[in-house]
C-alpha cells in the first residue's frame, strides 16, 4: 500500500515528523445460523496500511480490530435496493468513522512500533467488502437489470 502515489502525496502534506496511517475498513455480512431464526451479523473491522499485508491478512496476527456491527434488518421497507437501506448503511458507517475525522485533521500522538512518540494522522483509505457491500458504499444497484 505504501508504494502508491496517494500515500506519498498525503504524507507530503503533513508536518515534518508526522506520519499518515491509512485506515482500512472491512465488512462482510455473515450468517450465524441456518436453523431456528436465521441469525445474521454484520461486523466492521479496522486495520491500518502501515502494517504489512502479509501480517494484515492473517487472523492469527491480530492486526484487525472489531469496531462495530451494522444492523441487519428483515423489515419490508429495507428491500435490496431501497433508498432507506442505503441511508441506514451510510448513517451507521458515518457513526463508526466519526472519531477519525478530527484525528485525521489534527493528528494524534501515538507510540510507534520503534517506541518513539509521533503525531499520526489516521485517514480513511480503503473499504473492503463483497459486491453487495461495495454497491451500498457507492449507492448503486447490485444488478443492472433492477
N, C-alpha and C. Protein backbone atom coordinates (compact mmCIF):
# COMPACT_ATOMS: atom_id res chain seq x y z
N UNK A 1 0.82 -1.19 0.00
CA UNK A 1 0.00 0.00 0.00
C UNK A 1 0.87 1.26 0.00
N UNK A 2 2.03 1.22 0.67
CA UNK A 2 2.85 2.43 0.77
C UNK A 2 3.62 2.77 -0.50
N UNK A 3 3.45 1.97 -1.55
CA UNK A 3 4.12 2.30 -2.81
C UNK A 3 3.25 3.17 -3.70
N UNK A 4 2.02 3.41 -3.32
CA UNK A 4 1.09 4.19 -4.15
C UNK A 4 1.33 5.69 -4.05
N UNK A 5 0.96 6.40 -5.11
CA UNK A 5 1.10 7.86 -5.14
C UNK A 5 0.27 8.53 -4.05
N UNK A 6 -0.92 7.97 -3.77
CA UNK A 6 -1.80 8.57 -2.77
C UNK A 6 -1.07 8.72 -1.44
N UNK A 7 -0.39 7.67 -1.02
CA UNK A 7 0.30 7.69 0.27
C UNK A 7 1.34 8.81 0.30
N UNK A 8 2.17 8.87 -0.74
CA UNK A 8 3.24 9.87 -0.77
C UNK A 8 2.69 11.29 -0.85
N UNK A 9 1.63 11.48 -1.62
CA UNK A 9 1.01 12.81 -1.71
C UNK A 9 0.40 13.23 -0.38
N UNK A 10 -0.26 12.29 0.29
CA UNK A 10 -0.85 12.59 1.60
C UNK A 10 0.25 12.88 2.62
N UNK A 11 1.30 12.07 2.64
CA UNK A 11 2.40 12.26 3.58
C UNK A 11 3.07 13.61 3.38
N UNK A 12 3.20 14.05 2.13
CA UNK A 12 3.89 15.32 1.84
C UNK A 12 3.13 16.53 2.37
N UNK A 13 1.84 16.38 2.67
CA UNK A 13 1.04 17.50 3.18
C UNK A 13 1.08 17.60 4.70
N UNK A 14 1.71 16.65 5.36
CA UNK A 14 1.75 16.63 6.82
C UNK A 14 2.98 17.36 7.34
N UNK A 15 2.92 17.82 8.60
CA UNK A 15 4.09 18.48 9.19
C UNK A 15 5.28 17.52 9.29
N UNK A 16 6.47 18.08 9.37
CA UNK A 16 7.68 17.27 9.50
C UNK A 16 7.59 16.40 10.75
N UNK A 17 7.98 15.14 10.63
CA UNK A 17 7.96 14.21 11.75
C UNK A 17 6.63 13.48 11.93
N UNK A 18 5.60 13.92 11.23
CA UNK A 18 4.28 13.27 11.33
C UNK A 18 4.21 12.14 10.32
N UNK A 19 3.27 11.25 10.52
CA UNK A 19 3.10 10.15 9.57
C UNK A 19 1.62 9.88 9.33
N UNK A 20 1.32 9.45 8.13
CA UNK A 20 -0.05 9.08 7.78
C UNK A 20 -0.26 7.62 8.17
N UNK A 21 -1.47 7.32 8.60
CA UNK A 21 -1.84 5.95 8.92
C UNK A 21 -3.11 5.62 8.13
N UNK A 22 -2.97 5.00 6.97
CA UNK A 22 -4.14 4.69 6.14
C UNK A 22 -5.05 3.67 6.83
N UNK A 23 -6.28 4.08 7.08
CA UNK A 23 -7.26 3.21 7.74
C UNK A 23 -7.98 2.38 6.68
N UNK A 24 -8.05 1.09 6.92
CA UNK A 24 -8.73 0.17 6.01
C UNK A 24 -9.89 -0.44 6.78
N UNK A 25 -11.11 -0.24 6.27
CA UNK A 25 -12.29 -0.85 6.87
C UNK A 25 -12.69 -2.06 6.05
N UNK A 26 -13.20 -3.08 6.71
CA UNK A 26 -13.67 -4.28 6.02
C UNK A 26 -14.94 -4.76 6.69
N UNK A 27 -15.89 -5.21 5.88
CA UNK A 27 -17.12 -5.77 6.45
C UNK A 27 -17.59 -6.93 5.59
N UNK A 28 -18.35 -7.80 6.22
CA UNK A 28 -18.93 -8.92 5.49
C UNK A 28 -20.10 -9.45 6.30
N UNK A 29 -21.29 -9.29 5.74
CA UNK A 29 -22.48 -9.81 6.42
C UNK A 29 -22.34 -11.32 6.50
N UNK A 30 -22.57 -11.87 7.69
CA UNK A 30 -22.32 -13.28 7.95
C UNK A 30 -23.55 -13.95 8.52
N UNK A 31 -23.87 -15.11 7.99
CA UNK A 31 -24.97 -15.90 8.52
C UNK A 31 -24.45 -16.72 9.69
N UNK A 32 -25.07 -16.55 10.84
CA UNK A 32 -24.63 -17.26 12.04
C UNK A 32 -25.35 -18.58 12.23
N UNK A 33 -26.58 -18.66 11.71
CA UNK A 33 -27.38 -19.87 11.92
C UNK A 33 -28.30 -20.10 10.73
N UNK A 34 -28.41 -21.33 10.31
CA UNK A 34 -29.34 -21.68 9.24
C UNK A 34 -30.54 -22.42 9.82
N UNK A 35 -30.55 -22.55 11.11
CA UNK A 35 -31.62 -23.30 11.75
C UNK A 35 -32.70 -22.35 12.23
N UNK A 36 -32.98 -22.36 13.49
CA UNK A 36 -34.06 -21.56 14.05
C UNK A 36 -33.69 -20.08 14.08
N UNK A 37 -34.45 -19.26 13.37
CA UNK A 37 -34.29 -17.82 13.44
C UNK A 37 -33.40 -17.19 12.40
N UNK A 38 -32.61 -17.96 11.69
CA UNK A 38 -31.71 -17.41 10.67
C UNK A 38 -30.98 -16.17 11.17
N UNK A 39 -30.17 -16.30 12.17
CA UNK A 39 -29.44 -15.18 12.78
C UNK A 39 -28.29 -14.74 11.87
N UNK A 40 -28.12 -13.41 11.78
CA UNK A 40 -27.05 -12.83 10.96
C UNK A 40 -26.33 -11.75 11.75
N UNK A 41 -25.07 -11.53 11.41
CA UNK A 41 -24.28 -10.44 11.98
C UNK A 41 -23.57 -9.73 10.84
N UNK A 42 -23.27 -8.45 11.05
CA UNK A 42 -22.60 -7.66 10.02
C UNK A 42 -21.47 -6.87 10.68
N UNK A 43 -20.35 -7.55 10.97
CA UNK A 43 -19.25 -6.89 11.65
C UNK A 43 -18.46 -5.96 10.72
N UNK A 44 -17.87 -4.92 11.32
CA UNK A 44 -16.98 -4.00 10.61
C UNK A 44 -15.64 -4.03 11.34
N UNK A 45 -14.60 -4.32 10.58
CA UNK A 45 -13.25 -4.41 11.14
C UNK A 45 -12.39 -3.27 10.64
N UNK A 46 -11.37 -2.91 11.42
CA UNK A 46 -10.44 -1.85 11.06
C UNK A 46 -9.02 -2.38 11.17
N UNK A 47 -8.22 -2.04 10.17
CA UNK A 47 -6.78 -2.29 10.21
C UNK A 47 -6.11 -1.07 9.60
N UNK A 48 -4.79 -1.04 9.60
CA UNK A 48 -4.09 0.12 9.02
C UNK A 48 -3.10 -0.34 7.97
N UNK A 49 -2.88 0.54 7.00
CA UNK A 49 -1.98 0.23 5.89
C UNK A 49 -0.52 0.22 6.27
N UNK A 50 -0.17 0.74 7.46
CA UNK A 50 1.22 0.73 7.90
C UNK A 50 1.69 -0.68 8.24
N UNK A 51 0.73 -1.58 8.46
CA UNK A 51 1.05 -2.98 8.76
C UNK A 51 1.16 -3.73 7.44
N UNK A 52 2.19 -4.52 7.28
CA UNK A 52 2.42 -5.29 6.06
C UNK A 52 1.20 -6.14 5.72
N UNK A 53 0.88 -6.24 4.44
CA UNK A 53 -0.29 -7.04 4.03
C UNK A 53 -0.13 -8.50 4.41
N UNK A 54 1.09 -8.99 4.50
CA UNK A 54 1.33 -10.39 4.89
C UNK A 54 0.91 -10.62 6.34
N UNK A 55 1.01 -9.60 7.15
CA UNK A 55 0.57 -9.69 8.54
C UNK A 55 -0.92 -9.38 8.64
N UNK A 56 -1.36 -8.34 7.93
CA UNK A 56 -2.78 -7.92 8.00
C UNK A 56 -3.74 -9.02 7.63
N UNK A 57 -3.41 -9.83 6.65
CA UNK A 57 -4.36 -10.82 6.13
C UNK A 57 -4.39 -12.13 6.92
N UNK A 58 -3.59 -12.25 7.95
CA UNK A 58 -3.58 -13.48 8.76
C UNK A 58 -4.25 -13.21 10.11
N UNK A 59 -5.42 -13.80 10.32
CA UNK A 59 -6.15 -13.55 11.57
C UNK A 59 -5.34 -13.85 12.84
N UNK A 60 -4.42 -14.79 12.77
CA UNK A 60 -3.64 -15.14 13.95
C UNK A 60 -2.69 -14.03 14.39
N UNK A 61 -2.44 -13.04 13.52
CA UNK A 61 -1.57 -11.92 13.88
C UNK A 61 -2.32 -10.78 14.56
N UNK A 62 -3.65 -10.86 14.59
CA UNK A 62 -4.49 -9.88 15.29
C UNK A 62 -4.21 -8.44 14.85
N UNK A 63 -4.09 -8.22 13.55
CA UNK A 63 -3.82 -6.89 13.02
C UNK A 63 -5.10 -6.12 12.70
N UNK A 64 -6.25 -6.72 12.95
CA UNK A 64 -7.55 -6.06 12.73
C UNK A 64 -8.31 -6.04 14.04
N UNK A 65 -9.12 -4.98 14.21
CA UNK A 65 -9.98 -4.92 15.39
C UNK A 65 -11.43 -4.73 14.95
N UNK A 66 -12.32 -5.27 15.75
CA UNK A 66 -13.75 -5.10 15.51
C UNK A 66 -14.13 -3.71 16.02
N UNK A 67 -14.70 -2.87 15.13
CA UNK A 67 -15.10 -1.52 15.56
C UNK A 67 -16.61 -1.40 15.75
N UNK A 68 -17.37 -2.36 15.25
CA UNK A 68 -18.81 -2.30 15.46
C UNK A 68 -19.55 -3.28 14.58
N UNK A 69 -20.85 -3.28 14.78
CA UNK A 69 -21.75 -4.12 13.98
C UNK A 69 -22.77 -3.22 13.29
N UNK A 70 -23.06 -3.52 12.04
CA UNK A 70 -24.13 -2.83 11.32
C UNK A 70 -25.42 -3.60 11.55
N UNK A 71 -26.56 -2.90 11.59
CA UNK A 71 -27.82 -3.61 11.80
C UNK A 71 -28.19 -4.44 10.58
N UNK A 72 -28.74 -5.61 10.84
CA UNK A 72 -29.25 -6.48 9.79
C UNK A 72 -30.77 -6.47 9.94
N UNK A 73 -31.45 -5.92 8.94
CA UNK A 73 -32.90 -5.76 9.05
C UNK A 73 -33.62 -6.67 8.08
N UNK A 74 -34.71 -7.24 8.56
CA UNK A 74 -35.56 -8.05 7.69
C UNK A 74 -36.88 -7.33 7.44
N UNK A 75 -36.92 -6.03 7.73
CA UNK A 75 -38.14 -5.26 7.52
C UNK A 75 -38.43 -5.12 6.03
N UNK A 76 -39.69 -5.09 5.68
CA UNK A 76 -40.07 -4.98 4.27
C UNK A 76 -39.60 -3.67 3.66
N UNK A 77 -39.46 -2.61 4.46
CA UNK A 77 -39.02 -1.32 3.92
C UNK A 77 -37.56 -1.33 3.50
N UNK A 78 -36.80 -2.36 3.92
CA UNK A 78 -35.39 -2.43 3.59
C UNK A 78 -35.12 -3.47 2.52
N UNK A 79 -35.86 -3.43 1.44
CA UNK A 79 -35.58 -4.35 0.35
C UNK A 79 -34.23 -4.01 -0.24
N UNK A 80 -33.68 -4.91 -1.05
CA UNK A 80 -32.29 -4.81 -1.51
C UNK A 80 -31.85 -3.45 -2.03
N UNK A 81 -32.62 -2.80 -2.85
CA UNK A 81 -32.16 -1.55 -3.46
C UNK A 81 -32.94 -0.34 -2.97
N UNK A 82 -33.52 -0.41 -1.78
CA UNK A 82 -34.31 0.72 -1.29
C UNK A 82 -33.40 1.85 -0.81
N UNK A 83 -33.89 3.07 -0.96
CA UNK A 83 -33.15 4.24 -0.51
C UNK A 83 -32.95 4.18 1.00
N UNK A 84 -33.95 3.68 1.71
CA UNK A 84 -33.85 3.57 3.17
C UNK A 84 -32.69 2.67 3.57
N UNK A 85 -32.47 1.62 2.84
CA UNK A 85 -31.36 0.69 3.13
C UNK A 85 -30.01 1.39 2.95
N UNK A 86 -29.88 2.14 1.86
CA UNK A 86 -28.63 2.89 1.63
C UNK A 86 -28.42 3.91 2.74
N UNK A 87 -29.48 4.63 3.10
CA UNK A 87 -29.36 5.66 4.14
C UNK A 87 -28.96 5.06 5.48
N UNK A 88 -29.56 3.93 5.83
CA UNK A 88 -29.23 3.29 7.10
C UNK A 88 -27.76 2.85 7.10
N UNK A 89 -27.31 2.26 6.02
CA UNK A 89 -25.92 1.83 5.92
C UNK A 89 -24.98 3.02 6.08
N UNK A 90 -25.23 4.10 5.35
CA UNK A 90 -24.35 5.27 5.40
C UNK A 90 -24.40 5.97 6.75
N UNK A 91 -25.58 6.02 7.37
CA UNK A 91 -25.70 6.61 8.70
C UNK A 91 -24.84 5.82 9.69
N UNK A 92 -24.95 4.51 9.66
CA UNK A 92 -24.18 3.67 10.59
C UNK A 92 -22.68 3.77 10.34
N UNK A 93 -22.27 3.75 9.09
CA UNK A 93 -20.84 3.87 8.78
C UNK A 93 -20.31 5.24 9.21
N UNK A 94 -21.12 6.29 9.01
CA UNK A 94 -20.71 7.63 9.43
C UNK A 94 -20.46 7.65 10.94
N UNK A 95 -21.34 7.01 11.70
CA UNK A 95 -21.18 6.96 13.16
C UNK A 95 -19.91 6.20 13.54
N UNK A 96 -19.58 5.15 12.80
CA UNK A 96 -18.38 4.37 13.11
C UNK A 96 -17.09 5.14 12.82
N UNK A 97 -17.08 5.92 11.75
CA UNK A 97 -15.83 6.61 11.36
C UNK A 97 -15.75 8.05 11.87
N UNK A 98 -16.81 8.51 12.54
CA UNK A 98 -16.83 9.89 13.05
C UNK A 98 -15.58 10.25 13.87
N UNK A 99 -15.11 9.40 14.76
CA UNK A 99 -13.91 9.75 15.54
C UNK A 99 -12.66 9.96 14.68
N UNK A 100 -12.65 9.41 13.48
CA UNK A 100 -11.47 9.56 12.62
C UNK A 100 -11.38 10.95 11.99
N UNK A 101 -12.48 11.67 11.90
CA UNK A 101 -12.48 12.96 11.20
C UNK A 101 -11.52 13.93 11.88
N UNK A 102 -11.72 14.20 13.16
CA UNK A 102 -10.86 15.14 13.88
C UNK A 102 -9.44 14.59 13.98
N UNK A 103 -9.31 13.29 14.26
CA UNK A 103 -7.98 12.68 14.37
C UNK A 103 -7.22 12.80 13.05
N UNK A 104 -7.92 12.66 11.93
CA UNK A 104 -7.28 12.77 10.62
C UNK A 104 -6.89 14.20 10.28
N UNK A 105 -7.61 15.17 10.84
CA UNK A 105 -7.30 16.58 10.57
C UNK A 105 -6.22 17.12 11.49
N UNK A 106 -6.27 16.74 12.77
CA UNK A 106 -5.36 17.31 13.76
C UNK A 106 -4.21 16.37 14.12
N UNK A 107 -4.37 15.09 13.84
CA UNK A 107 -3.36 14.12 14.23
C UNK A 107 -3.52 13.71 15.68
N UNK A 108 -2.92 12.59 16.02
CA UNK A 108 -2.97 12.05 17.38
C UNK A 108 -1.58 11.57 17.74
N UNK A 109 -1.11 11.91 18.93
CA UNK A 109 0.20 11.42 19.36
C UNK A 109 0.07 9.96 19.75
N UNK A 110 0.94 9.13 19.17
CA UNK A 110 0.92 7.69 19.43
C UNK A 110 2.34 7.18 19.60
N UNK A 111 2.45 6.10 20.36
CA UNK A 111 3.74 5.41 20.48
C UNK A 111 3.82 4.44 19.31
N UNK A 112 4.84 4.60 18.49
CA UNK A 112 5.01 3.75 17.30
C UNK A 112 5.75 2.46 17.68
N UNK A 113 5.87 1.57 16.71
CA UNK A 113 6.50 0.26 16.94
C UNK A 113 7.95 0.38 17.41
N UNK A 114 8.62 1.48 17.04
CA UNK A 114 10.01 1.67 17.46
C UNK A 114 10.12 2.33 18.83
N UNK A 115 8.99 2.58 19.49
CA UNK A 115 8.99 3.16 20.83
C UNK A 115 8.96 4.68 20.86
N UNK A 116 9.09 5.33 19.71
CA UNK A 116 9.07 6.79 19.65
C UNK A 116 7.63 7.30 19.58
N UNK A 117 7.41 8.50 20.13
CA UNK A 117 6.09 9.13 20.04
C UNK A 117 6.06 9.99 18.78
N UNK A 118 5.03 9.76 17.98
CA UNK A 118 4.88 10.51 16.73
C UNK A 118 3.45 11.03 16.62
N UNK A 119 3.29 12.09 15.85
CA UNK A 119 1.94 12.57 15.53
C UNK A 119 1.50 11.79 14.30
N UNK A 120 0.42 11.03 14.48
CA UNK A 120 -0.10 10.14 13.44
C UNK A 120 -1.44 10.70 12.96
N UNK A 121 -1.62 10.67 11.65
CA UNK A 121 -2.85 11.15 11.03
C UNK A 121 -3.59 9.97 10.41
N UNK A 122 -4.59 9.42 11.12
CA UNK A 122 -5.37 8.32 10.53
C UNK A 122 -6.32 8.85 9.46
N UNK A 123 -6.23 8.30 8.27
CA UNK A 123 -7.03 8.76 7.13
C UNK A 123 -7.71 7.54 6.50
N UNK A 124 -9.02 7.61 6.32
CA UNK A 124 -9.74 6.51 5.68
C UNK A 124 -9.22 6.34 4.26
N UNK A 125 -8.67 5.16 3.97
CA UNK A 125 -8.03 4.92 2.69
C UNK A 125 -8.71 3.87 1.84
N UNK A 126 -9.35 2.88 2.47
CA UNK A 126 -9.93 1.79 1.68
C UNK A 126 -11.09 1.14 2.43
N UNK A 127 -11.99 0.58 1.65
CA UNK A 127 -13.09 -0.22 2.20
C UNK A 127 -13.08 -1.55 1.46
N UNK A 128 -13.04 -2.63 2.22
CA UNK A 128 -13.03 -3.96 1.63
C UNK A 128 -14.37 -4.62 1.95
N UNK A 129 -15.04 -5.06 0.92
CA UNK A 129 -16.33 -5.73 1.09
C UNK A 129 -16.66 -6.51 -0.16
N UNK A 130 -17.67 -7.36 -0.04
CA UNK A 130 -18.09 -8.10 -1.22
C UNK A 130 -18.89 -7.18 -2.15
N UNK A 131 -19.34 -7.72 -3.28
CA UNK A 131 -20.02 -6.89 -4.28
C UNK A 131 -21.24 -6.16 -3.72
N UNK A 132 -22.14 -6.82 -2.99
CA UNK A 132 -23.30 -6.08 -2.45
C UNK A 132 -22.89 -4.95 -1.51
N UNK A 133 -21.85 -5.15 -0.72
CA UNK A 133 -21.41 -4.10 0.19
C UNK A 133 -20.75 -2.95 -0.57
N UNK A 134 -19.99 -3.26 -1.61
CA UNK A 134 -19.40 -2.20 -2.43
C UNK A 134 -20.50 -1.37 -3.09
N UNK A 135 -21.58 -2.03 -3.50
CA UNK A 135 -22.71 -1.31 -4.09
C UNK A 135 -23.37 -0.40 -3.06
N UNK A 136 -23.47 -0.84 -1.81
CA UNK A 136 -24.02 0.01 -0.76
C UNK A 136 -23.14 1.24 -0.55
N UNK A 137 -21.82 1.06 -0.53
CA UNK A 137 -20.90 2.17 -0.35
C UNK A 137 -21.06 3.18 -1.49
N UNK A 138 -21.18 2.68 -2.71
CA UNK A 138 -21.27 3.55 -3.90
C UNK A 138 -22.70 4.01 -4.20
N UNK A 139 -23.68 3.53 -3.43
CA UNK A 139 -25.10 3.87 -3.66
C UNK A 139 -25.54 3.51 -5.07
N UNK A 140 -25.18 2.33 -5.51
CA UNK A 140 -25.62 1.86 -6.82
C UNK A 140 -26.30 0.50 -6.67
N UNK A 141 -27.00 0.08 -7.70
CA UNK A 141 -27.71 -1.19 -7.63
C UNK A 141 -26.75 -2.34 -7.90
N UNK A 142 -27.04 -3.48 -7.28
CA UNK A 142 -26.21 -4.67 -7.47
C UNK A 142 -26.41 -5.28 -8.84
N UNK A 143 -27.63 -5.22 -9.32
CA UNK A 143 -28.00 -5.86 -10.58
C UNK A 143 -28.41 -4.77 -11.57
N UNK A 144 -27.72 -4.64 -12.70
CA UNK A 144 -28.08 -3.59 -13.66
C UNK A 144 -29.49 -3.76 -14.23
N UNK A 145 -30.08 -4.93 -14.08
CA UNK A 145 -31.42 -5.18 -14.61
C UNK A 145 -32.50 -4.61 -13.70
N UNK A 146 -32.14 -4.32 -12.42
CA UNK A 146 -33.17 -3.87 -11.48
C UNK A 146 -33.29 -2.37 -11.43
